[in-house]
Amino acid sequence: MKLLVMRRQWLLDFAVVSVVYFLLAYVVLPALWKHHEHEPGLASLPMVTRTGTGIPGDPLNVGLVGSRDDILRAMDAANWFPADPSHCARVSRSSAAWCLTDPTTLRR
């Protein structure tokens, strides 16, 4: 009987902690979170990457200002090349090659 009471108390404690965490993490703190941009021109620009479906990702560390043509010309002048888009097949081949490489051949 005592074990049943302890288990019930533990479950109640766990439920209360879970609800408090959920409210803090997903309701209270996001409502209090404010972002102040020191550069007014950057305030309306995206601050994180987005997936193809619009899900926010990692924060951007570098922002390029200008049209796509201006940026590509500047990269070309600096002998930089834009990254190729990753295709599933290319990523799969690279991953398979890395996974299937004999580790003893990597030693010097």
Protein backbone atom coordinates (compact mmCIF):
# COMPACT_ATOMS: atom_id res chain seq x y z
CA MET A 1 0.00 0.00 0.00
CA LYS A 2 2.83 2.37 0.90
CA LEU A 3 4.47 1.66 -2.47
CA LEU A 4 1.26 2.62 -4.28
CA VAL A 5 1.08 5.93 -2.41
CA MET A 6 4.74 6.68 -3.18
CA ARG A 7 4.26 5.85 -6.87
CA ARG A 8 1.16 8.05 -7.06
CA GLN A 9 3.05 10.93 -5.38
CA TRP A 10 5.97 10.50 -7.77
CA LEU A 11 3.65 10.59 -10.78
CA LEU A 12 1.93 13.69 -9.44
CA ASP A 13 5.28 15.40 -8.87
CA PHE A 14 6.42 14.45 -12.35
CA ALA A 15 3.20 15.78 -13.90
CA VAL A 16 3.50 19.10 -12.03
CA VAL A 17 7.15 19.55 -13.05
CA SER A 18 6.28 18.69 -16.67
CA VAL A 19 3.43 21.20 -16.80
CA VAL A 20 5.54 23.95 -15.20
CA TYR A 21 8.39 23.26 -17.65
CA PHE A 22 6.02 23.30 -20.63
CA LEU A 23 4.45 26.59 -19.55
CA LEU A 24 7.82 28.24 -18.94
CA ALA A 25 9.52 26.93 -22.07
CA TYR A 26 6.70 27.34 -24.56
CA VAL A 27 4.41 30.06 -23.20
CA VAL A 28 5.99 32.40 -20.64
CA LEU A 29 9.56 32.76 -21.94
CA PRO A 30 8.62 33.15 -25.63
CA ALA A 31 6.12 35.84 -24.63
CA LEU A 32 8.85 37.69 -22.71
CA TRP A 33 11.52 37.19 -25.36
CA LYS A 34 12.29 40.37 -27.23
CA HIS A 35 14.85 40.89 -29.92
CA HIS A 36 16.34 44.31 -30.25
CA GLU A 37 18.30 44.93 -33.42
CA HIS A 38 20.96 47.62 -33.13
CA GLU A 39 21.13 48.11 -36.89
CA PRO A 40 17.71 49.37 -38.06
CA GLY A 41 18.37 48.26 -41.65
CA LEU A 42 18.81 44.65 -40.51
CA ALA A 43 15.69 44.48 -38.35
CA SER A 44 13.44 43.29 -41.18
CA LEU A 45 15.92 40.74 -42.59
CA PRO A 46 15.88 37.04 -41.69
CA MET A 47 18.01 36.08 -38.68
CA VAL A 48 17.89 32.28 -39.07
CA THR A 49 18.12 29.81 -41.90
CA ARG A 50 14.91 28.15 -43.07
CA THR A 51 14.29 24.73 -44.52
CA GLY A 52 12.41 24.25 -47.77
CA THR A 53 9.22 23.88 -45.75
CA GLY A 54 9.87 27.05 -43.75
CA ILE A 55 11.03 25.50 -40.47
CA PRO A 56 13.53 27.82 -38.70
CA GLY A 57 17.07 26.46 -38.37
CA ASP A 58 20.45 27.78 -37.29
CA PRO A 59 21.15 31.49 -36.72
CA LEU A 60 22.86 33.32 -39.54
CA ASN A 61 26.41 34.40 -38.79
CA VAL A 62 26.92 36.40 -41.97
CA GLY A 63 24.53 38.57 -43.89
CA LEU A 64 25.18 39.61 -47.47
CA VAL A 65 23.52 42.79 -48.65
CA GLY A 66 22.90 43.26 -52.36
CA SER A 67 21.21 41.59 -55.25
CA ARG A 68 22.05 37.99 -56.14
CA ASP A 69 23.96 39.18 -59.23
CA ASP A 70 26.01 41.67 -57.18
CA ILE A 71 26.95 38.99 -54.66
CA LEU A 72 27.85 36.44 -57.33
CA ARG A 73 30.00 39.03 -59.14
CA ALA A 74 31.78 39.92 -55.89
CA MET A 75 32.40 36.24 -55.13
CA ASP A 76 33.69 35.68 -58.65
CA ALA A 77 36.05 38.66 -58.34
CA ALA A 78 37.45 37.16 -55.13
CA ASN A 79 37.81 33.73 -56.83
CA TRP A 80 35.12 32.28 -54.57
CA PHE A 81 32.49 29.92 -55.87
CA PRO A 82 28.91 29.49 -54.64
CA ALA A 83 28.21 26.15 -52.99
CA ASP A 84 26.54 23.52 -55.12
CA PRO A 85 23.15 22.46 -53.85
CA SER A 86 23.35 19.12 -52.05
CA HIS A 87 21.43 16.36 -53.74
CA CYS A 88 20.32 13.26 -51.91
CA ALA A 89 22.29 10.94 -54.19
CA ARG A 90 25.52 12.92 -53.78
CA VAL A 91 25.15 13.02 -50.00
CA SER A 92 24.36 9.30 -49.94
CA ARG A 93 27.45 8.47 -52.01
CA SER A 94 29.68 10.60 -49.79
CA SER A 95 28.24 9.08 -46.63
CA ALA A 96 28.56 5.54 -47.97
CA ALA A 97 32.16 6.15 -49.05
CA TRP A 98 33.02 7.51 -45.62
CA CYS A 99 31.28 4.68 -43.77
CA LEU A 100 32.76 1.94 -45.94
CA THR A 101 36.34 3.22 -45.87
CA ASP A 102 38.74 0.89 -44.14
CA PRO A 103 40.02 2.85 -41.09
CA THR A 104 43.44 1.19 -41.33
CA THR A 105 44.06 2.89 -44.68
CA LEU A 106 43.61 6.30 -43.07
CA ARG A 107 46.63 5.89 -40.79
CA ARG A 108 49.89 7.42 -41.88
